[in-house]
PDB file of N, CA and C in Angstrom:
ATOM      1  N   UNK A   1     109.697 117.142 106.849  1.00  0.00           N
ATOM      2  CA  UNK A   1     109.713 115.702 107.070  1.00  0.00           C
ATOM      3  C   UNK A   1     110.450 115.031 105.925  1.00  0.00           C
ATOM      4  N   UNK A   2     111.319 114.115 106.221  1.00  0.00           N
ATOM      5  CA  UNK A   2     112.093 113.400 105.207  1.00  0.00           C
ATOM      6  C   UNK A   2     111.284 112.316 104.522  1.00  0.00           C
ATOM      7  N   UNK A   3     111.886 111.757 103.537  1.00  0.00           N
ATOM      8  CA  UNK A   3     111.238 110.678 102.792  1.00  0.00           C
ATOM      9  C   UNK A   3     111.074 109.457 103.682  1.00  0.00           C
ATOM     10  N   UNK A   4     109.941 108.808 103.578  1.00  0.00           N
ATOM     11  CA  UNK A   4     109.729 107.581 104.333  1.00  0.00           C
ATOM     12  C   UNK A   4     110.094 106.357 103.509  1.00  0.00           C
ATOM     13  N   UNK A   5     110.137 106.520 102.199  1.00  0.00           N
ATOM     14  CA  UNK A   5     110.500 105.411 101.316  1.00  0.00           C
ATOM     15  C   UNK A   5     111.088 105.985 100.033  1.00  0.00           C
ATOM     16  N   UNK A   6     112.179 105.407  99.580  1.00  0.00           N
ATOM     17  CA  UNK A   6     112.774 105.786  98.304  1.00  0.00           C
ATOM     18  C   UNK A   6     112.746 104.550  97.420  1.00  0.00           C
ATOM     19  N   UNK A   7     112.179 104.692  96.223  1.00  0.00           N
ATOM     20  CA  UNK A   7     112.088 103.574  95.284  1.00  0.00           C
ATOM     21  C   UNK A   7     112.959 103.892  94.077  1.00  0.00           C
ATOM     22  N   UNK A   8     113.800 102.942  93.684  1.00  0.00           N
ATOM     23  CA  UNK A   8     114.621 103.077  92.496  1.00  0.00           C
ATOM     24  C   UNK A   8     114.082 102.081  91.480  1.00  0.00           C
ATOM     25  N   UNK A   9     113.673 102.605  90.339  1.00  0.00           N
ATOM     26  CA  UNK A   9     112.993 101.769  89.356  1.00  0.00           C
ATOM     27  C   UNK A   9     113.708 101.864  88.017  1.00  0.00           C
ATOM     28  N   UNK A  10     114.080 100.749  87.487  1.00  0.00           N
ATOM     29  CA  UNK A  10     114.604 100.691  86.119  1.00  0.00           C
ATOM     30  C   UNK A  10     113.402 100.371  85.259  1.00  0.00           C
ATOM     31  N   UNK A  11     113.009 101.311  84.449  1.00  0.00           N
ATOM     32  CA  UNK A  11     111.701 101.180  83.821  1.00  0.00           C
ATOM     33  C   UNK A  11     111.687 100.735  82.381  1.00  0.00           C
ATOM     34  N   UNK A  12     112.766 100.777  81.655  1.00  0.00           N
ATOM     35  CA  UNK A  12     112.656 100.474  80.237  1.00  0.00           C
ATOM     36  C   UNK A  12     113.997 100.107  79.614  1.00  0.00           C
ATOM     37  N   UNK A  13     113.932  99.431  78.482  1.00  0.00           N
ATOM     38  CA  UNK A  13     115.129  98.994  77.787  1.00  0.00           C
ATOM     39  C   UNK A  13     115.469  99.926  76.633  1.00  0.00           C
ATOM     40  N   UNK A  14     116.734 100.295  76.588  1.00  0.00           N
ATOM     41  CA  UNK A  14     117.242 101.110  75.477  1.00  0.00           C
ATOM     42  C   UNK A  14     117.816 100.158  74.420  1.00  0.00           C
ATOM     43  N   UNK A  15     118.181 100.669  73.248  1.00  0.00           N
ATOM     44  CA  UNK A  15     118.742  99.803  72.207  1.00  0.00           C
ATOM     45  C   UNK A  15     119.954  99.019  72.701  1.00  0.00           C
ATOM     46  N   UNK A  16     120.084  97.820  72.214  1.00  0.00           N
ATOM     47  CA  UNK A  16     121.206  96.983  72.606  1.00  0.00           C
ATOM     48  C   UNK A  16     120.940  95.536  72.253  1.00  0.00           C
ATOM     49  N   UNK A  17     121.733  94.647  72.811  1.00  0.00           N
ATOM     50  CA  UNK A  17     121.582  93.217  72.563  1.00  0.00           C
ATOM     51  C   UNK A  17     120.962  92.571  73.793  1.00  0.00           C
ATOM     52  N   UNK A  18     119.870  91.870  73.584  1.00  0.00           N
ATOM     53  CA  UNK A  18     119.168  91.161  74.649  1.00  0.00           C
ATOM     54  C   UNK A  18     119.078  89.707  74.231  1.00  0.00           C
ATOM     55  N   UNK A  19     119.642  88.831  75.068  1.00  0.00           N
ATOM     56  CA  UNK A  19     119.781  87.448  74.637  1.00  0.00           C
ATOM     57  C   UNK A  19     120.795  87.444  73.507  1.00  0.00           C
ATOM     58  N   UNK A  20     120.433  86.893  72.387  1.00  0.00           N
ATOM     59  CA  UNK A  20     121.317  86.903  71.216  1.00  0.00           C
ATOM     60  C   UNK A  20     120.789  87.812  70.114  1.00  0.00           C
ATOM     61  N   UNK A  21     119.775  88.623  70.415  1.00  0.00           N
ATOM     62  CA  UNK A  21     119.144  89.484  69.413  1.00  0.00           C
ATOM     63  C   UNK A  21     119.531  90.937  69.636  1.00  0.00           C
ATOM     64  N   UNK A  22     119.798  91.656  68.545  1.00  0.00           N
ATOM     65  CA  UNK A  22     120.092  93.084  68.619  1.00  0.00           C
ATOM     66  C   UNK A  22     118.802  93.846  68.346  1.00  0.00           C
ATOM     67  N   UNK A  23     118.503  94.818  69.190  1.00  0.00           N
ATOM     68  CA  UNK A  23     117.284  95.605  69.062  1.00  0.00           C
ATOM     69  C   UNK A  23     117.633  97.077  68.867  1.00  0.00           C
ATOM     70  N   UNK A  24     116.950  97.704  67.924  1.00  0.00           N
ATOM     71  CA  UNK A  24     117.094  99.138  67.690  1.00  0.00           C
ATOM     72  C   UNK A  24     115.981  99.871  68.421  1.00  0.00           C
ATOM     73  N   UNK A  25     116.209 101.133  68.723  1.00  0.00           N
ATOM     74  CA  UNK A  25     115.195 101.947  69.369  1.00  0.00           C
ATOM     75  C   UNK A  25     114.163 102.459  68.372  1.00  0.00           C
ATOM     76  N   UNK A  26     113.012 102.815  68.893  1.00  0.00           N
ATOM     77  CA  UNK A  26     111.915 103.365  68.102  1.00  0.00           C
ATOM     78  C   UNK A  26     111.458 104.632  68.806  1.00  0.00           C
ATOM     79  N   UNK A  27     111.350 105.741  68.059  1.00  0.00           N
ATOM     80  CA  UNK A  27     110.893 106.975  68.701  1.00  0.00           C
ATOM     81  C   UNK A  27     109.368 106.965  68.855  1.00  0.00           C
ATOM     82  N   UNK A  28     108.823 107.996  69.450  1.00  0.00           N
ATOM     83  CA  UNK A  28     107.384 108.051  69.738  1.00  0.00           C
ATOM     84  C   UNK A  28     106.528 108.046  68.474  1.00  0.00           C
ATOM     85  N   UNK A  29     107.122 108.330  67.326  1.00  0.00           N
ATOM     86  CA  UNK A  29     106.377 108.326  66.060  1.00  0.00           C
ATOM     87  C   UNK A  29     106.595 107.047  65.255  1.00  0.00           C
ATOM     88  N   UNK A  30     107.321 106.073  65.848  1.00  0.00           N
ATOM     89  CA  UNK A  30     107.525 104.785  65.203  1.00  0.00           C
ATOM     90  C   UNK A  30     108.713 104.709  64.265  1.00  0.00           C
ATOM     91  N   UNK A  31     109.570 105.703  64.281  1.00  0.00           N
ATOM     92  CA  UNK A  31     110.749 105.706  63.416  1.00  0.00           C
ATOM     93  C   UNK A  31     111.968 105.188  64.179  1.00  0.00           C
ATOM     94  N   UNK A  32     112.849 104.503  63.476  1.00  0.00           N
ATOM     95  CA  UNK A  32     114.071 103.983  64.099  1.00  0.00           C
ATOM     96  C   UNK A  32     114.897 105.125  64.679  1.00  0.00           C
ATOM     97  N   UNK A  33     115.374 104.920  65.897  1.00  0.00           N
ATOM     98  CA  UNK A  33     116.134 105.951  66.593  1.00  0.00           C
ATOM     99  C   UNK A  33     117.044 105.273  67.609  1.00  0.00           C
ATOM    100  N   UNK A  34     118.335 105.430  67.474  1.00  0.00           N
ATOM    101  CA  UNK A  34     119.290 104.760  68.358  1.00  0.00           C
ATOM    102  C   UNK A  34     119.266 105.291  69.784  1.00  0.00           C
ATOM    103  N   UNK A  35     118.632 106.432  70.023  1.00  0.00           N
ATOM    104  CA  UNK A  35     118.582 107.021  71.363  1.00  0.00           C
ATOM    105  C   UNK A  35     117.275 106.717  72.099  1.00  0.00           C
ATOM    106  N   UNK A  36     116.304 106.168  71.405  1.00  0.00           N
ATOM    107  CA  UNK A  36     114.993 105.911  72.013  1.00  0.00           C
ATOM    108  C   UNK A  36     114.900 104.490  72.542  1.00  0.00           C
ATOM    109  N   UNK A  37     113.804 104.197  73.203  1.00  0.00           N
ATOM    110  CA  UNK A  37     113.577 102.878  73.774  1.00  0.00           C
ATOM    111  C   UNK A  37     113.259 101.852  72.705  1.00  0.00           C
ATOM    112  N   UNK A  38     113.519 100.576  73.016  1.00  0.00           N
ATOM    113  CA  UNK A  38     113.047  99.488  72.165  1.00  0.00           C
ATOM    114  C   UNK A  38     111.560  99.303  72.447  1.00  0.00           C
ATOM    115  N   UNK A  39     110.856  98.553  71.624  1.00  0.00           N
ATOM    116  CA  UNK A  39     109.402  98.427  71.802  1.00  0.00           C
ATOM    117  C   UNK A  39     109.032  97.890  73.182  1.00  0.00           C
ATOM    118  N   UNK A  40     109.755  96.907  73.683  1.00  0.00           N
ATOM    119  CA  UNK A  40     109.480  96.389  75.019  1.00  0.00           C
ATOM    120  C   UNK A  40     109.679  97.477  76.072  1.00  0.00           C
ATOM    121  N   UNK A  41     110.671  98.326  75.867  1.00  0.00           N
ATOM    122  CA  UNK A  41     110.913  99.439  76.783  1.00  0.00           C
ATOM    123  C   UNK A  41     109.741 100.403  76.829  1.00  0.00           C
ATOM    124  N   UNK A  42     109.152 100.721  75.663  1.00  0.00           N
ATOM    125  CA  UNK A  42     107.975 101.599  75.628  1.00  0.00           C
ATOM    126  C   UNK A  42     106.809 100.956  76.388  1.00  0.00           C
ATOM    127  N   UNK A  43     106.620  99.638  76.212  1.00  0.00           N
ATOM    128  CA  UNK A  43     105.545  98.941  76.914  1.00  0.00           C
ATOM    129  C   UNK A  43     105.751  98.994  78.428  1.00  0.00           C
ATOM    130  N   UNK A  44     106.962  98.721  78.864  1.00  0.00           N
ATOM    131  CA  UNK A  44     107.247  98.733  80.303  1.00  0.00           C
ATOM    132  C   UNK A  44     107.130 100.130  80.900  1.00  0.00           C
ATOM    133  N   UNK A  45     107.602 101.138  80.167  1.00  0.00           N
ATOM    134  CA  UNK A  45     107.487 102.512  80.660  1.00  0.00           C
ATOM    135  C   UNK A  45     106.017 102.888  80.842  1.00  0.00           C
ATOM    136  N   UNK A  46     105.184 102.506  79.883  1.00  0.00           N
ATOM    137  CA  UNK A  46     103.745 102.770  80.005  1.00  0.00           C
ATOM    138  C   UNK A  46     103.128 102.017  81.166  1.00  0.00           C
ATOM    139  N   UNK A  47     103.578 100.790  81.388  1.00  0.00           N
ATOM    140  CA  UNK A  47     103.065 100.003  82.508  1.00  0.00           C
ATOM    141  C   UNK A  47     103.431 100.616  83.851  1.00  0.00           C
ATOM    142  N   UNK A  48     104.658 101.107  83.972  1.00  0.00           N
ATOM    143  CA  UNK A  48     105.099 101.753  85.212  1.00  0.00           C
ATOM    144  C   UNK A  48     104.291 103.025  85.454  1.00  0.00           C
ATOM    145  N   UNK A  49     104.090 103.813  84.396  1.00  0.00           N
ATOM    146  CA  UNK A  49     103.305 105.041  84.543  1.00  0.00           C
ATOM    147  C   UNK A  49     101.895 104.718  85.022  1.00  0.00           C
ATOM    148  N   UNK A  50     101.282 103.701  84.456  1.00  0.00           N
ATOM    149  CA  UNK A  50      99.929 103.322  84.858  1.00  0.00           C
ATOM    150  C   UNK A  50      99.901 102.727  86.263  1.00  0.00           C
ATOM    151  N   UNK A  51     100.966 102.051  86.653  1.00  0.00           N
ATOM    152  CA  UNK A  51     101.040 101.479  87.997  1.00  0.00           C
ATOM    153  C   UNK A  51     100.987 102.567  89.064  1.00  0.00           C
ATOM    154  N   UNK A  52     101.742 103.658  88.842  1.00  0.00           N
ATOM    155  CA  UNK A  52     101.806 104.719  89.837  1.00  0.00           C
ATOM    156  C   UNK A  52     100.746 105.806  89.668  1.00  0.00           C
ATOM    157  N   UNK A  53     100.151 105.901  88.492  1.00  0.00           N
ATOM    158  CA  UNK A  53      99.142 106.926  88.250  1.00  0.00           C
ATOM    159  C   UNK A  53      98.090 106.369  87.290  1.00  0.00           C
ATOM    160  N   UNK A  54      97.292 105.399  87.763  1.00  0.00           N
ATOM    161  CA  UNK A  54      96.339 104.747  86.868  1.00  0.00           C
ATOM    162  C   UNK A  54      95.292 105.732  86.337  1.00  0.00           C
ATOM    163  N   UNK A  55      94.968 105.582  85.069  1.00  0.00           N
ATOM    164  CA  UNK A  55      94.003 106.493  84.446  1.00  0.00           C
ATOM    165  C   UNK A  55      92.609 106.340  85.043  1.00  0.00           C
ATOM    166  N   UNK A  56      92.297 105.167  85.581  1.00  0.00           N
ATOM    167  CA  UNK A  56      90.983 104.959  86.192  1.00  0.00           C
ATOM    168  C   UNK A  56      91.009 105.176  87.708  1.00  0.00           C
ATOM    169  N   UNK A  57      92.140 105.631  88.234  1.00  0.00           N
ATOM    170  CA  UNK A  57      92.327 105.932  89.661  1.00  0.00           C
ATOM    171  C   UNK A  57      92.110 104.715  90.565  1.00  0.00           C
ATOM    172  N   UNK A  58      92.257 103.508  90.020  1.00  0.00           N
ATOM    173  CA  UNK A  58      92.153 102.288  90.815  1.00  0.00           C
ATOM    174  C   UNK A  58      93.535 101.647  90.877  1.00  0.00           C
ATOM    175  N   UNK A  59      94.121 101.624  92.067  1.00  0.00           N
ATOM    176  CA  UNK A  59      95.444 101.046  92.234  1.00  0.00           C
ATOM    177  C   UNK A  59      95.343  99.531  92.325  1.00  0.00           C
ATOM    178  N   UNK A  60      96.217  98.836  91.583  1.00  0.00           N
ATOM    179  CA  UNK A  60      96.217  97.376  91.567  1.00  0.00           C
ATOM    180  C   UNK A  60      96.823  96.780  92.838  1.00  0.00           C
ATOM    181  N   UNK A  61      97.721  97.506  93.478  1.00  0.00           N
ATOM    182  CA  UNK A  61      98.417  96.997  94.644  1.00  0.00           C
ATOM    183  C   UNK A  61      98.328  98.037  95.752  1.00  0.00           C
ATOM    184  N   UNK A  62      97.457  97.823  96.702  1.00  0.00           N
ATOM    185  CA  UNK A  62      97.252  98.810  97.761  1.00  0.00           C
ATOM    186  C   UNK A  62      98.462  98.925  98.685  1.00  0.00           C
ATOM    187  N   UNK A  63      99.380  97.950  98.652  1.00  0.00           N
ATOM    188  CA  UNK A  63     100.569  98.014  99.501  1.00  0.00           C
ATOM    189  C   UNK A  63     101.671  98.864  98.865  1.00  0.00           C
ATOM    190  N   UNK A  64     101.506  99.218  97.611  1.00  0.00           N
ATOM    191  CA  UNK A  64     102.511 100.009  96.910  1.00  0.00           C
ATOM    192  C   UNK A  64     102.426 101.465  97.339  1.00  0.00           C
ATOM    193  N   UNK A  65     103.571 102.039  97.653  1.00  0.00           N
ATOM    194  CA  UNK A  65     103.603 103.459  98.011  1.00  0.00           C
ATOM    195  C   UNK A  65     103.351 104.302  96.769  1.00  0.00           C
ATOM    196  N   UNK A  66     102.563 105.345  96.911  1.00  0.00           N
ATOM    197  CA  UNK A  66     102.300 106.260  95.802  1.00  0.00           C
ATOM    198  C   UNK A  66     103.322 107.389  95.881  1.00  0.00           C
ATOM    199  N   UNK A  67     104.157 107.526  94.851  1.00  0.00           N
ATOM    200  CA  UNK A  67     105.198 108.551  94.900  1.00  0.00           C
ATOM    201  C   UNK A  67     104.632 109.972  94.951  1.00  0.00           C
ATOM    202  N   UNK A  68     105.263 110.815  95.738  1.00  0.00           N
ATOM    203  CA  UNK A  68     104.916 112.239  95.768  1.00  0.00           C
ATOM    204  C   UNK A  68     105.787 113.013  94.798  1.00  0.00           C
ATOM    205  N   UNK A  69     106.976 112.473  94.491  1.00  0.00           N
ATOM    206  CA  UNK A  69     107.912 113.118  93.588  1.00  0.00           C
ATOM    207  C   UNK A  69     108.525 112.063  92.673  1.00  0.00           C
ATOM    208  N   UNK A  70     108.848 112.457  91.455  1.00  0.00           N
ATOM    209  CA  UNK A  70     109.558 111.608  90.508  1.00  0.00           C
ATOM    210  C   UNK A  70     110.842 112.326  90.122  1.00  0.00           C
ATOM    211  N   UNK A  71     111.939 111.613  90.135  1.00  0.00           N
ATOM    212  CA  UNK A  71     113.204 112.144  89.651  1.00  0.00           C
ATOM    213  C   UNK A  71     113.642 111.262  88.498  1.00  0.00           C
ATOM    214  N   UNK A  72     114.268 111.861  87.526  1.00  0.00           N
ATOM    215  CA  UNK A  72     114.638 111.150  86.324  1.00  0.00           C
ATOM    216  C   UNK A  72     116.072 111.483  85.954  1.00  0.00           C
ATOM    217  N   UNK A  73     116.769 110.488  85.406  1.00  0.00           N
ATOM    218  CA  UNK A  73     118.127 110.758  84.933  1.00  0.00           C
ATOM    219  C   UNK A  73     118.067 111.698  83.729  1.00  0.00           C
ATOM    220  N   UNK A  74     119.179 112.250  83.383  1.00  0.00           N
ATOM    221  CA  UNK A  74     119.242 113.201  82.273  1.00  0.00           C
ATOM    222  C   UNK A  74     118.741 112.596  80.962  1.00  0.00           C
ATOM    223  N   UNK A  75     118.870 111.281  80.790  1.00  0.00           N
ATOM    224  CA  UNK A  75     118.475 110.658  79.529  1.00  0.00           C
ATOM    225  C   UNK A  75     116.958 110.502  79.387  1.00  0.00           C
ATOM    226  N   UNK A  76     116.207 110.734  80.438  1.00  0.00           N
ATOM    227  CA  UNK A  76     114.749 110.640  80.333  1.00  0.00           C
ATOM    228  C   UNK A  76     114.189 111.801  79.527  1.00  0.00           C
ATOM    229  N   UNK A  77     113.146 111.516  78.792  1.00  0.00           N
ATOM    230  CA  UNK A  77     112.501 112.563  78.001  1.00  0.00           C
ATOM    231  C   UNK A  77     111.026 112.596  78.287  1.00  0.00           C
TER     232      UNK A  77
END
């Protein structure tokens, strides 16, 4: 059976300029890293993970499809 729904999600911000401010990335240990997400990106990535796989198993939006598979671009870690 084929997919019934495909969702494309942009989940986080990488280093760059947002508005007029330049933001550097921060790695998982809190050190500056040009390849890692900015702090807002880490927050959003965590929010997306909790949205699709809540730790308390209570979904906030019952109309949201629960993914059976996740695919990630090569830059995901």
